[in-house]
């Protein structure tokens, strides 16, 4: 079994995880952020494959992290960003393309709840 793998992570707390930030579950180190940023997106109108980009835009923090391979989608994480804890969750991916011709963001409203 592979000991670690890169997984997409949505930052649900206030903060931006950057390369090198440590990732924890209940104060146990489970990996490190490999890259992170804040991305803009158009708030979607509608749900699922019927959604379209709306008139309003927002920003969200996302990252990729090199995590223990036994962790799965929906797992809650804490990332240490500048000596404070920021909440995050493992996601399957950051974008979905089922609603062609648009790519829509996969949003996490709160930890463990996807839109």
PDB file of N, CA and C in Angstrom:
ATOM      1  N   UNK A   1       0.837  -1.183   0.000  1.00  0.00           N
ATOM      2  CA  UNK A   1       0.000   0.000   0.000  1.00  0.00           C
ATOM      3  C   UNK A   1       0.885   1.250   0.000  1.00  0.00           C
ATOM      4  N   UNK A   2       0.432   2.266  -0.696  1.00  0.00           N
ATOM      5  CA  UNK A   2       1.144   3.541  -0.749  1.00  0.00           C
ATOM      6  C   UNK A   2       0.953   4.259   0.584  1.00  0.00           C
ATOM      7  N   UNK A   3       2.024   4.748   1.213  1.00  0.00           N
ATOM      8  CA  UNK A   3       1.863   5.390   2.527  1.00  0.00           C
ATOM      9  C   UNK A   3       1.180   6.750   2.475  1.00  0.00           C
ATOM     10  N   UNK A   4       1.406   7.517   1.406  1.00  0.00           N
ATOM     11  CA  UNK A   4       0.777   8.835   1.275  1.00  0.00           C
ATOM     12  C   UNK A   4       0.429   9.105  -0.177  1.00  0.00           C
ATOM     13  N   UNK A   5      -0.551   9.996  -0.381  1.00  0.00           N
ATOM     14  CA  UNK A   5      -0.916  10.412  -1.731  1.00  0.00           C
ATOM     15  C   UNK A   5      -1.446  11.837  -1.693  1.00  0.00           C
ATOM     16  N   UNK A   6      -1.421  12.498  -2.857  1.00  0.00           N
ATOM     17  CA  UNK A   6      -1.902  13.874  -2.947  1.00  0.00           C
ATOM     18  C   UNK A   6      -3.412  13.864  -3.115  1.00  0.00           C
ATOM     19  N   UNK A   7      -4.096  14.674  -2.289  1.00  0.00           N
ATOM     20  CA  UNK A   7      -5.550  14.757  -2.335  1.00  0.00           C
ATOM     21  C   UNK A   7      -5.980  16.224  -2.336  1.00  0.00           C
ATOM     22  N   UNK A   8      -7.111  16.534  -3.006  1.00  0.00           N
ATOM     23  CA  UNK A   8      -7.635  17.906  -2.981  1.00  0.00           C
ATOM     24  C   UNK A   8      -8.312  18.190  -1.639  1.00  0.00           C
ATOM     25  N   UNK A   9      -8.098  19.405  -1.143  1.00  0.00           N
ATOM     26  CA  UNK A   9      -8.640  19.803   0.156  1.00  0.00           C
ATOM     27  C   UNK A   9      -9.301  21.173   0.016  1.00  0.00           C
ATOM     28  N   UNK A  10     -10.508  21.302   0.554  1.00  0.00           N
ATOM     29  CA  UNK A  10     -11.204  22.592   0.600  1.00  0.00           C
ATOM     30  C   UNK A  10     -11.003  23.188   1.990  1.00  0.00           C
ATOM     31  N   UNK A  11     -10.518  24.408   2.043  1.00  0.00           N
ATOM     32  CA  UNK A  11     -10.327  25.104   3.316  1.00  0.00           C
ATOM     33  C   UNK A  11     -11.665  25.736   3.676  1.00  0.00           C
ATOM     34  N   UNK A  12     -12.245  25.304   4.796  1.00  0.00           N
ATOM     35  CA  UNK A  12     -13.559  25.801   5.196  1.00  0.00           C
ATOM     36  C   UNK A  12     -13.463  26.912   6.225  1.00  0.00           C
ATOM     37  N   UNK A  13     -12.326  27.037   6.880  1.00  0.00           N
ATOM     38  CA  UNK A  13     -12.124  28.105   7.849  1.00  0.00           C
ATOM     39  C   UNK A  13     -11.516  29.322   7.180  1.00  0.00           C
ATOM     40  N   UNK A  14     -11.310  30.367   7.954  1.00  0.00           N
ATOM     41  CA  UNK A  14     -10.736  31.601   7.424  1.00  0.00           C
ATOM     42  C   UNK A  14      -9.222  31.475   7.385  1.00  0.00           C
ATOM     43  N   UNK A  15      -8.685  31.441   6.193  1.00  0.00           N
ATOM     44  CA  UNK A  15      -7.242  31.343   6.027  1.00  0.00           C
ATOM     45  C   UNK A  15      -6.891  30.703   4.702  1.00  0.00           C
ATOM     46  N   UNK A  16      -5.627  30.824   4.327  1.00  0.00           N
ATOM     47  CA  UNK A  16      -5.140  30.255   3.077  1.00  0.00           C
ATOM     48  C   UNK A  16      -3.979  29.333   3.410  1.00  0.00           C
ATOM     49  N   UNK A  17      -4.143  28.050   3.093  1.00  0.00           N
ATOM     50  CA  UNK A  17      -3.079  27.077   3.320  1.00  0.00           C
ATOM     51  C   UNK A  17      -2.069  27.180   2.182  1.00  0.00           C
ATOM     52  N   UNK A  18      -0.809  27.252   2.519  1.00  0.00           N
ATOM     53  CA  UNK A  18       0.262  27.363   1.534  1.00  0.00           C
ATOM     54  C   UNK A  18       1.184  26.160   1.636  1.00  0.00           C
ATOM     55  N   UNK A  19       2.019  25.984   0.626  1.00  0.00           N
ATOM     56  CA  UNK A  19       2.959  24.868   0.608  1.00  0.00           C
ATOM     57  C   UNK A  19       3.763  24.819   1.907  1.00  0.00           C
ATOM     58  N   UNK A  20       3.857  23.639   2.474  1.00  0.00           N
ATOM     59  CA  UNK A  20       4.620  23.448   3.702  1.00  0.00           C
ATOM     60  C   UNK A  20       3.792  23.448   4.971  1.00  0.00           C
ATOM     61  N   UNK A  21       2.547  23.945   4.920  1.00  0.00           N
ATOM     62  CA  UNK A  21       1.692  23.929   6.111  1.00  0.00           C
ATOM     63  C   UNK A  21       1.422  22.483   6.516  1.00  0.00           C
ATOM     64  N   UNK A  22       1.454  22.226   7.806  1.00  0.00           N
ATOM     65  CA  UNK A  22       1.210  20.875   8.304  1.00  0.00           C
ATOM     66  C   UNK A  22      -0.289  20.623   8.443  1.00  0.00           C
ATOM     67  N   UNK A  23      -0.692  19.371   8.165  1.00  0.00           N
ATOM     68  CA  UNK A  23      -2.093  18.961   8.220  1.00  0.00           C
ATOM     69  C   UNK A  23      -2.249  17.947   9.349  1.00  0.00           C
ATOM     70  N   UNK A  24      -3.285  18.135  10.163  1.00  0.00           N
ATOM     71  CA  UNK A  24      -3.504  17.299  11.333  1.00  0.00           C
ATOM     72  C   UNK A  24      -4.935  16.772  11.385  1.00  0.00           C
ATOM     73  N   UNK A  25      -5.099  15.679  12.103  1.00  0.00           N
ATOM     74  CA  UNK A  25      -6.408  15.193  12.543  1.00  0.00           C
ATOM     75  C   UNK A  25      -6.262  14.961  14.039  1.00  0.00           C
ATOM     76  N   UNK A  26      -7.042  15.667  14.824  1.00  0.00           N
ATOM     77  CA  UNK A  26      -6.983  15.545  16.290  1.00  0.00           C
ATOM     78  C   UNK A  26      -5.557  15.632  16.813  1.00  0.00           C
ATOM     79  N   UNK A  27      -4.822  16.638  16.380  1.00  0.00           N
ATOM     80  CA  UNK A  27      -3.452  16.923  16.828  1.00  0.00           C
ATOM     81  C   UNK A  27      -2.428  15.869  16.386  1.00  0.00           C
ATOM     82  N   UNK A  28      -2.819  14.952  15.475  1.00  0.00           N
ATOM     83  CA  UNK A  28      -1.885  13.975  14.926  1.00  0.00           C
ATOM     84  C   UNK A  28      -1.519  14.394  13.514  1.00  0.00           C
ATOM     85  N   UNK A  29      -0.236  14.536  13.236  1.00  0.00           N
ATOM     86  CA  UNK A  29       0.240  14.943  11.919  1.00  0.00           C
ATOM     87  C   UNK A  29      -0.093  13.865  10.892  1.00  0.00           C
ATOM     88  N   UNK A  30      -0.818  14.251   9.811  1.00  0.00           N
ATOM     89  CA  UNK A  30      -1.200  13.294   8.763  1.00  0.00           C
ATOM     90  C   UNK A  30      -0.698  13.706   7.389  1.00  0.00           C
ATOM     91  N   UNK A  31       0.005  14.835   7.290  1.00  0.00           N
ATOM     92  CA  UNK A  31       0.538  15.243   5.997  1.00  0.00           C
ATOM     93  C   UNK A  31       0.921  16.712   5.948  1.00  0.00           C
ATOM     94  N   UNK A  32       1.190  17.153   4.708  1.00  0.00           N
ATOM     95  CA  UNK A  32       1.593  18.536   4.461  1.00  0.00           C
ATOM     96  C   UNK A  32       0.907  19.061   3.214  1.00  0.00           C
ATOM     97  N   UNK A  33       0.662  20.358   3.189  1.00  0.00           N
ATOM     98  CA  UNK A  33       0.107  21.022   2.009  1.00  0.00           C
ATOM     99  C   UNK A  33       1.222  21.119   0.969  1.00  0.00           C
ATOM    100  N   UNK A  34       0.907  20.774  -0.289  1.00  0.00           N
ATOM    101  CA  UNK A  34       1.886  20.896  -1.369  1.00  0.00           C
ATOM    102  C   UNK A  34       1.698  22.186  -2.142  1.00  0.00           C
ATOM    103  N   UNK A  35       0.454  22.675  -2.235  1.00  0.00           N
ATOM    104  CA  UNK A  35       0.165  23.954  -2.881  1.00  0.00           C
ATOM    105  C   UNK A  35      -1.199  24.433  -2.419  1.00  0.00           C
ATOM    106  N   UNK A  36      -1.379  25.744  -2.372  1.00  0.00           N
ATOM    107  CA  UNK A  36      -2.655  26.295  -1.958  1.00  0.00           C
ATOM    108  C   UNK A  36      -2.810  27.716  -2.448  1.00  0.00           C
ATOM    109  N   UNK A  37      -4.056  28.112  -2.643  1.00  0.00           N
ATOM    110  CA  UNK A  37      -4.337  29.443  -3.148  1.00  0.00           C
ATOM    111  C   UNK A  37      -5.790  29.812  -2.854  1.00  0.00           C
ATOM    112  N   UNK A  38      -6.158  31.024  -3.249  1.00  0.00           N
ATOM    113  CA  UNK A  38      -7.554  31.473  -3.218  1.00  0.00           C
ATOM    114  C   UNK A  38      -7.985  31.620  -4.662  1.00  0.00           C
ATOM    115  N   UNK A  39      -9.136  31.047  -5.004  1.00  0.00           N
ATOM    116  CA  UNK A  39      -9.621  31.112  -6.380  1.00  0.00           C
ATOM    117  C   UNK A  39     -10.984  31.798  -6.436  1.00  0.00           C
ATOM    118  N   UNK A  40     -11.203  32.607  -7.463  1.00  0.00           N
ATOM    119  CA  UNK A  40     -12.528  33.201  -7.646  1.00  0.00           C
ATOM    120  C   UNK A  40     -13.441  32.203  -8.351  1.00  0.00           C
ATOM    121  N   UNK A  41     -14.736  32.361  -8.149  1.00  0.00           N
ATOM    122  CA  UNK A  41     -15.710  31.543  -8.873  1.00  0.00           C
ATOM    123  C   UNK A  41     -17.021  32.300  -8.958  1.00  0.00           C
ATOM    124  N   UNK A  42     -17.788  31.987  -9.974  1.00  0.00           N
ATOM    125  CA  UNK A  42     -19.124  32.562 -10.115  1.00  0.00           C
ATOM    126  C   UNK A  42     -20.079  31.724  -9.285  1.00  0.00           C
ATOM    127  N   UNK A  43     -20.868  32.373  -8.420  1.00  0.00           N
ATOM    128  CA  UNK A  43     -21.854  31.634  -7.632  1.00  0.00           C
ATOM    129  C   UNK A  43     -22.849  30.996  -8.590  1.00  0.00           C
ATOM    130  N   UNK A  44     -23.046  29.692  -8.496  1.00  0.00           N
ATOM    131  CA  UNK A  44     -23.954  29.031  -9.432  1.00  0.00           C
ATOM    132  C   UNK A  44     -25.423  29.341  -9.134  1.00  0.00           C
ATOM    133  N   UNK A  45     -26.215  29.366 -10.195  1.00  0.00           N
ATOM    134  CA  UNK A  45     -27.670  29.461 -10.067  1.00  0.00           C
ATOM    135  C   UNK A  45     -28.213  28.099 -10.431  1.00  0.00           C
ATOM    136  N   UNK A  46     -29.013  27.521  -9.564  1.00  0.00           N
ATOM    137  CA  UNK A  46     -29.522  26.175  -9.767  1.00  0.00           C
ATOM    138  C   UNK A  46     -28.614  25.159  -9.096  1.00  0.00           C
ATOM    139  N   UNK A  47     -28.977  23.878  -9.228  1.00  0.00           N
ATOM    140  CA  UNK A  47     -28.232  22.812  -8.568  1.00  0.00           C
ATOM    141  C   UNK A  47     -27.862  21.722  -9.559  1.00  0.00           C
ATOM    142  N   UNK A  48     -26.757  21.049  -9.256  1.00  0.00           N
ATOM    143  CA  UNK A  48     -26.335  19.902 -10.047  1.00  0.00           C
ATOM    144  C   UNK A  48     -26.058  20.250 -11.493  1.00  0.00           C
ATOM    145  N   UNK A  49     -26.450  19.346 -12.391  1.00  0.00           N
ATOM    146  CA  UNK A  49     -26.143  19.543 -13.811  1.00  0.00           C
ATOM    147  C   UNK A  49     -26.985  20.645 -14.442  1.00  0.00           C
ATOM    148  N   UNK A  50     -27.995  21.136 -13.728  1.00  0.00           N
ATOM    149  CA  UNK A  50     -28.824  22.229 -14.245  1.00  0.00           C
ATOM    150  C   UNK A  50     -28.274  23.598 -13.834  1.00  0.00           C
ATOM    151  N   UNK A  51     -27.169  23.615 -13.089  1.00  0.00           N
ATOM    152  CA  UNK A  51     -26.626  24.895 -12.619  1.00  0.00           C
ATOM    153  C   UNK A  51     -25.899  25.634 -13.730  1.00  0.00           C
ATOM    154  N   UNK A  52     -25.912  26.979 -13.603  1.00  0.00           N
ATOM    155  CA  UNK A  52     -25.206  27.866 -14.528  1.00  0.00           C
ATOM    156  C   UNK A  52     -24.487  28.920 -13.699  1.00  0.00           C
ATOM    157  N   UNK A  53     -23.435  29.527 -14.246  1.00  0.00           N
ATOM    158  CA  UNK A  53     -22.784  30.612 -13.505  1.00  0.00           C
ATOM    159  C   UNK A  53     -23.761  31.761 -13.295  1.00  0.00           C
ATOM    160  N   UNK A  54     -23.802  32.285 -12.081  1.00  0.00           N
ATOM    161  CA  UNK A  54     -24.683  33.400 -11.765  1.00  0.00           C
ATOM    162  C   UNK A  54     -24.001  34.739 -11.998  1.00  0.00           C
ATOM    163  N   UNK A  55     -24.635  35.792 -11.530  1.00  0.00           N
ATOM    164  CA  UNK A  55     -24.112  37.149 -11.719  1.00  0.00           C
ATOM    165  C   UNK A  55     -23.136  37.552 -10.620  1.00  0.00           C
ATOM    166  N   UNK A  56     -23.135  36.830  -9.488  1.00  0.00           N
ATOM    167  CA  UNK A  56     -22.276  37.189  -8.367  1.00  0.00           C
ATOM    168  C   UNK A  56     -21.061  36.266  -8.303  1.00  0.00           C
ATOM    169  N   UNK A  57     -19.943  36.834  -7.886  1.00  0.00           N
ATOM    170  CA  UNK A  57     -18.745  36.025  -7.730  1.00  0.00           C
ATOM    171  C   UNK A  57     -18.292  36.038  -6.280  1.00  0.00           C
ATOM    172  N   UNK A  58     -17.540  35.018  -5.903  1.00  0.00           N
ATOM    173  CA  UNK A  58     -16.959  34.918  -4.570  1.00  0.00           C
ATOM    174  C   UNK A  58     -15.568  34.329  -4.702  1.00  0.00           C
ATOM    175  N   UNK A  59     -14.918  34.142  -3.566  1.00  0.00           N
ATOM    176  CA  UNK A  59     -13.593  33.541  -3.547  1.00  0.00           C
ATOM    177  C   UNK A  59     -13.579  32.440  -2.506  1.00  0.00           C
ATOM    178  N   UNK A  60     -12.738  31.434  -2.731  1.00  0.00           N
ATOM    179  CA  UNK A  60     -12.604  30.351  -1.768  1.00  0.00           C
ATOM    180  C   UNK A  60     -11.171  29.852  -1.754  1.00  0.00           C
ATOM    181  N   UNK A  61     -10.769  29.310  -0.626  1.00  0.00           N
ATOM    182  CA  UNK A  61      -9.417  28.782  -0.479  1.00  0.00           C
ATOM    183  C   UNK A  61      -9.437  27.279  -0.753  1.00  0.00           C
ATOM    184  N   UNK A  62      -8.498  26.836  -1.587  1.00  0.00           N
ATOM    185  CA  UNK A  62      -8.350  25.416  -1.895  1.00  0.00           C
ATOM    186  C   UNK A  62      -6.870  25.066  -1.814  1.00  0.00           C
ATOM    187  N   UNK A  63      -6.594  23.764  -1.698  1.00  0.00           N
ATOM    188  CA  UNK A  63      -5.204  23.333  -1.706  1.00  0.00           C
ATOM    189  C   UNK A  63      -5.121  21.864  -2.099  1.00  0.00           C
ATOM    190  N   UNK A  64      -3.909  21.423  -2.357  1.00  0.00           N
ATOM    191  CA  UNK A  64      -3.583  20.019  -2.524  1.00  0.00           C
ATOM    192  C   UNK A  64      -2.675  19.657  -1.362  1.00  0.00           C
ATOM    193  N   UNK A  65      -2.867  18.457  -0.814  1.00  0.00           N
ATOM    194  CA  UNK A  65      -2.054  18.050   0.331  1.00  0.00           C
ATOM    195  C   UNK A  65      -1.581  16.616   0.159  1.00  0.00           C
ATOM    196  N   UNK A  66      -0.371  16.364   0.595  1.00  0.00           N
ATOM    197  CA  UNK A  66       0.230  15.040   0.585  1.00  0.00           C
ATOM    198  C   UNK A  66      -0.152  14.394   1.911  1.00  0.00           C
ATOM    199  N   UNK A  67      -1.181  13.506   1.878  1.00  0.00           N
ATOM    200  CA  UNK A  67      -1.806  12.981   3.093  1.00  0.00           C
ATOM    201  C   UNK A  67      -1.648  11.476   3.208  1.00  0.00           C
ATOM    202  N   UNK A  68      -1.797  10.980   4.434  1.00  0.00           N
ATOM    203  CA  UNK A  68      -1.807   9.536   4.653  1.00  0.00           C
ATOM    204  C   UNK A  68      -2.840   8.900   3.725  1.00  0.00           C
ATOM    205  N   UNK A  69      -2.476   7.812   3.087  1.00  0.00           N
ATOM    206  CA  UNK A  69      -3.306   7.187   2.044  1.00  0.00           C
ATOM    207  C   UNK A  69      -4.618   6.605   2.565  1.00  0.00           C
ATOM    208  N   UNK A  70      -4.744   6.347   3.856  1.00  0.00           N
ATOM    209  CA  UNK A  70      -5.988   5.771   4.372  1.00  0.00           C
ATOM    210  C   UNK A  70      -7.066   6.817   4.631  1.00  0.00           C
ATOM    211  N   UNK A  71      -6.768   8.099   4.423  1.00  0.00           N
ATOM    212  CA  UNK A  71      -7.771   9.159   4.603  1.00  0.00           C
ATOM    213  C   UNK A  71      -8.664   9.234   3.373  1.00  0.00           C
ATOM    214  N   UNK A  72      -9.927   9.558   3.558  1.00  0.00           N
ATOM    215  CA  UNK A  72     -10.901   9.547   2.471  1.00  0.00           C
ATOM    216  C   UNK A  72     -11.669  10.861   2.368  1.00  0.00           C
ATOM    217  N   UNK A  73     -12.386  11.005   1.264  1.00  0.00           N
ATOM    218  CA  UNK A  73     -13.233  12.167   1.010  1.00  0.00           C
ATOM    219  C   UNK A  73     -14.191  12.384   2.174  1.00  0.00           C
ATOM    220  N   UNK A  74     -14.329  13.653   2.564  1.00  0.00           N
ATOM    221  CA  UNK A  74     -15.210  14.012   3.675  1.00  0.00           C
ATOM    222  C   UNK A  74     -14.504  14.066   5.019  1.00  0.00           C
ATOM    223  N   UNK A  75     -13.268  13.581   5.077  1.00  0.00           N
ATOM    224  CA  UNK A  75     -12.510  13.597   6.333  1.00  0.00           C
ATOM    225  C   UNK A  75     -12.210  15.030   6.747  1.00  0.00           C
ATOM    226  N   UNK A  76     -12.499  15.353   7.981  1.00  0.00           N
ATOM    227  CA  UNK A  76     -12.231  16.690   8.510  1.00  0.00           C
ATOM    228  C   UNK A  76     -10.765  16.805   8.908  1.00  0.00           C
ATOM    229  N   UNK A  77     -10.172  17.943   8.607  1.00  0.00           N
ATOM    230  CA  UNK A  77      -8.759  18.195   8.874  1.00  0.00           C
ATOM    231  C   UNK A  77      -8.580  19.523   9.584  1.00  0.00           C
ATOM    232  N   UNK A  78      -7.416  19.692  10.195  1.00  0.00           N
ATOM    233  CA  UNK A  78      -7.002  20.980  10.715  1.00  0.00           C
ATOM    234  C   UNK A  78      -5.639  21.276  10.087  1.00  0.00           C
ATOM    235  N   UNK A  79      -5.487  22.471   9.555  1.00  0.00           N
ATOM    236  CA  UNK A  79      -4.233  22.873   8.937  1.00  0.00           C
ATOM    237  C   UNK A  79      -3.644  24.000   9.774  1.00  0.00           C
ATOM    238  N   UNK A  80      -2.367  23.890  10.081  1.00  0.00           N
ATOM    239  CA  UNK A  80      -1.716  24.941  10.861  1.00  0.00           C
ATOM    240  C   UNK A  80      -1.188  26.007   9.909  1.00  0.00           C
ATOM    241  N   UNK A  81      -1.831  27.173   9.950  1.00  0.00           N
ATOM    242  CA  UNK A  81      -1.474  28.303   9.097  1.00  0.00           C
ATOM    243  C   UNK A  81      -1.030  29.448  10.000  1.00  0.00           C
ATOM    244  N   UNK A  82       0.237  29.805   9.921  1.00  0.00           N
ATOM    245  CA  UNK A  82       0.792  30.907  10.717  1.00  0.00           C
ATOM    246  C   UNK A  82       0.432  30.809  12.200  1.00  0.00           C
ATOM    247  N   UNK A  83       0.704  29.672  12.770  1.00  0.00           N
ATOM    248  CA  UNK A  83       0.502  29.411  14.204  1.00  0.00           C
ATOM    249  C   UNK A  83      -0.952  29.459  14.662  1.00  0.00           C
ATOM    250  N   UNK A  84      -1.880  29.211  13.740  1.00  0.00           N
ATOM    251  CA  UNK A  84      -3.289  29.069  14.150  1.00  0.00           C
ATOM    252  C   UNK A  84      -3.905  27.924  13.347  1.00  0.00           C
ATOM    253  N   UNK A  85      -4.998  27.390  13.830  1.00  0.00           N
ATOM    254  CA  UNK A  85      -5.649  26.246  13.198  1.00  0.00           C
ATOM    255  C   UNK A  85      -6.744  26.713  12.245  1.00  0.00           C
ATOM    256  N   UNK A  86      -6.777  26.122  11.054  1.00  0.00           N
ATOM    257  CA  UNK A  86      -7.786  26.412  10.049  1.00  0.00           C
ATOM    258  C   UNK A  86      -8.475  25.090   9.698  1.00  0.00           C
ATOM    259  N   UNK A  87      -9.802  25.079   9.693  1.00  0.00           N
ATOM    260  CA  UNK A  87     -10.550  23.866   9.361  1.00  0.00           C
ATOM    261  C   UNK A  87     -10.547  23.614   7.860  1.00  0.00           C
ATOM    262  N   UNK A  88     -10.583  22.330   7.495  1.00  0.00           N
ATOM    263  CA  UNK A  88     -10.582  21.931   6.094  1.00  0.00           C
ATOM    264  C   UNK A  88     -11.232  20.561   5.971  1.00  0.00           C
ATOM    265  N   UNK A  89     -11.494  20.153   4.729  1.00  0.00           N
ATOM    266  CA  UNK A  89     -12.087  18.840   4.470  1.00  0.00           C
ATOM    267  C   UNK A  89     -11.536  18.304   3.149  1.00  0.00           C
ATOM    268  N   UNK A  90     -11.311  16.992   3.100  1.00  0.00           N
ATOM    269  CA  UNK A  90     -10.857  16.351   1.865  1.00  0.00           C
ATOM    270  C   UNK A  90     -12.033  16.276   0.904  1.00  0.00           C
ATOM    271  N   UNK A  91     -11.808  16.675  -0.340  1.00  0.00           N
ATOM    272  CA  UNK A  91     -12.860  16.614  -1.351  1.00  0.00           C
ATOM    273  C   UNK A  91     -12.439  15.667  -2.471  1.00  0.00           C
ATOM    274  N   UNK A  92     -13.408  15.235  -3.253  1.00  0.00           N
ATOM    275  CA  UNK A  92     -13.094  14.373  -4.394  1.00  0.00           C
ATOM    276  C   UNK A  92     -12.354  15.173  -5.462  1.00  0.00           C
ATOM    277  N   UNK A  93     -12.811  16.413  -5.668  1.00  0.00           N
ATOM    278  CA  UNK A  93     -12.214  17.309  -6.660  1.00  0.00           C
ATOM    279  C   UNK A  93     -12.699  18.724  -6.366  1.00  0.00           C
ATOM    280  N   UNK A  94     -12.078  19.707  -7.031  1.00  0.00           N
ATOM    281  CA  UNK A  94     -12.461  21.105  -6.809  1.00  0.00           C
ATOM    282  C   UNK A  94     -13.454  21.613  -7.845  1.00  0.00           C
ATOM    283  N   UNK A  95     -13.488  21.006  -9.024  1.00  0.00           N
ATOM    284  CA  UNK A  95     -14.392  21.418 -10.104  1.00  0.00           C
ATOM    285  C   UNK A  95     -15.137  20.227 -10.657  1.00  0.00           C
ATOM    286  N   UNK A  96     -16.345  20.487 -11.179  1.00  0.00           N
ATOM    287  CA  UNK A  96     -17.133  19.453 -11.858  1.00  0.00           C
ATOM    288  C   UNK A  96     -17.471  19.954 -13.255  1.00  0.00           C
ATOM    289  N   UNK A  97     -17.459  19.081 -14.228  1.00  0.00           N
ATOM    290  CA  UNK A  97     -17.722  19.478 -15.606  1.00  0.00           C
ATOM    291  C   UNK A  97     -18.920  18.809 -16.226  1.00  0.00           C
ATOM    292  N   UNK A  98     -19.839  18.276 -15.410  1.00  0.00           N
ATOM    293  CA  UNK A  98     -21.010  17.581 -15.947  1.00  0.00           C
ATOM    294  C   UNK A  98     -22.009  18.510 -16.629  1.00  0.00           C
ATOM    295  N   UNK A  99     -21.984  19.790 -16.281  1.00  0.00           N
ATOM    296  CA  UNK A  99     -22.970  20.743 -16.799  1.00  0.00           C
ATOM    297  C   UNK A  99     -22.362  21.548 -17.949  1.00  0.00           C
ATOM    298  N   UNK A 100     -21.928  20.836 -18.973  1.00  0.00           N
ATOM    299  CA  UNK A 100     -21.289  21.508 -20.120  1.00  0.00           C
ATOM    300  C   UNK A 100     -22.202  22.593 -20.675  1.00  0.00           C
ATOM    301  N   UNK A 101     -21.685  23.700 -21.127  1.00  0.00           N
ATOM    302  CA  UNK A 101     -20.279  23.999 -21.356  1.00  0.00           C
ATOM    303  C   UNK A 101     -19.589  24.639 -20.160  1.00  0.00           C
ATOM    304  N   UNK A 102     -20.168  24.549 -18.967  1.00  0.00           N
ATOM    305  CA  UNK A 102     -19.619  25.220 -17.799  1.00  0.00           C
ATOM    306  C   UNK A 102     -18.936  24.233 -16.859  1.00  0.00           C
ATOM    307  N   UNK A 103     -17.854  24.665 -16.239  1.00  0.00           N
ATOM    308  CA  UNK A 103     -17.276  23.950 -15.107  1.00  0.00           C
ATOM    309  C   UNK A 103     -17.819  24.655 -13.874  1.00  0.00           C
ATOM    310  N   UNK A 104     -18.280  23.904 -12.921  1.00  0.00           N
ATOM    311  CA  UNK A 104     -18.825  24.527 -11.716  1.00  0.00           C
ATOM    312  C   UNK A 104     -17.983  24.124 -10.515  1.00  0.00           C
ATOM    313  N   UNK A 105     -17.860  25.013  -9.532  1.00  0.00           N
ATOM    314  CA  UNK A 105     -17.062  24.685  -8.350  1.00  0.00           C
ATOM    315  C   UNK A 105     -17.811  23.695  -7.463  1.00  0.00           C
ATOM    316  N   UNK A 106     -17.093  22.795  -6.856  1.00  0.00           N
ATOM    317  CA  UNK A 106     -17.671  21.927  -5.834  1.00  0.00           C
ATOM    318  C   UNK A 106     -17.408  22.636  -4.510  1.00  0.00           C
ATOM    319  N   UNK A 107     -18.464  23.123  -3.898  1.00  0.00           N
ATOM    320  CA  UNK A 107     -18.353  23.947  -2.690  1.00  0.00           C
ATOM    321  C   UNK A 107     -18.641  23.120  -1.456  1.00  0.00           C
ATOM    322  N   UNK A 108     -17.977  23.430  -0.387  1.00  0.00           N
ATOM    323  CA  UNK A 108     -18.229  22.814   0.913  1.00  0.00           C
ATOM    324  C   UNK A 108     -18.785  23.921   1.795  1.00  0.00           C
ATOM    325  N   UNK A 109     -20.102  23.849   2.113  1.00  0.00           N
ATOM    326  CA  UNK A 109     -20.728  24.890   2.936  1.00  0.00           C
ATOM    327  C   UNK A 109     -20.192  24.867   4.342  1.00  0.00           C
ATOM    328  N   UNK A 110     -20.118  23.699   4.911  1.00  0.00           N
ATOM    329  CA  UNK A 110     -19.526  23.507   6.229  1.00  0.00           C
ATOM    330  C   UNK A 110     -18.845  22.147   6.176  1.00  0.00           C
ATOM    331  N   UNK A 111     -18.045  21.841   7.155  1.00  0.00           N
ATOM    332  CA  UNK A 111     -17.303  20.593   7.130  1.00  0.00           C
ATOM    333  C   UNK A 111     -18.273  19.423   6.970  1.00  0.00           C
ATOM    334  N   UNK A 112     -18.022  18.605   5.950  1.00  0.00           N
ATOM    335  CA  UNK A 112     -18.833  17.421   5.695  1.00  0.00           C
ATOM    336  C   UNK A 112     -20.099  17.671   4.901  1.00  0.00           C
ATOM    337  N   UNK A 113     -20.359  18.872   4.431  1.00  0.00           N
ATOM    338  CA  UNK A 113     -21.570  19.186   3.680  1.00  0.00           C
ATOM    339  C   UNK A 113     -21.220  19.788   2.337  1.00  0.00           C
ATOM    340  N   UNK A 114     -21.545  19.082   1.272  1.00  0.00           N
ATOM    341  CA  UNK A 114     -21.215  19.537  -0.078  1.00  0.00           C
ATOM    342  C   UNK A 114     -22.414  20.187  -0.757  1.00  0.00           C
ATOM    343  N   UNK A 115     -22.153  21.132  -1.663  1.00  0.00           N
ATOM    344  CA  UNK A 115     -23.190  21.768  -2.475  1.00  0.00           C
ATOM    345  C   UNK A 115     -23.012  21.311  -3.897  1.00  0.00           C
TER     346      UNK A 115
END
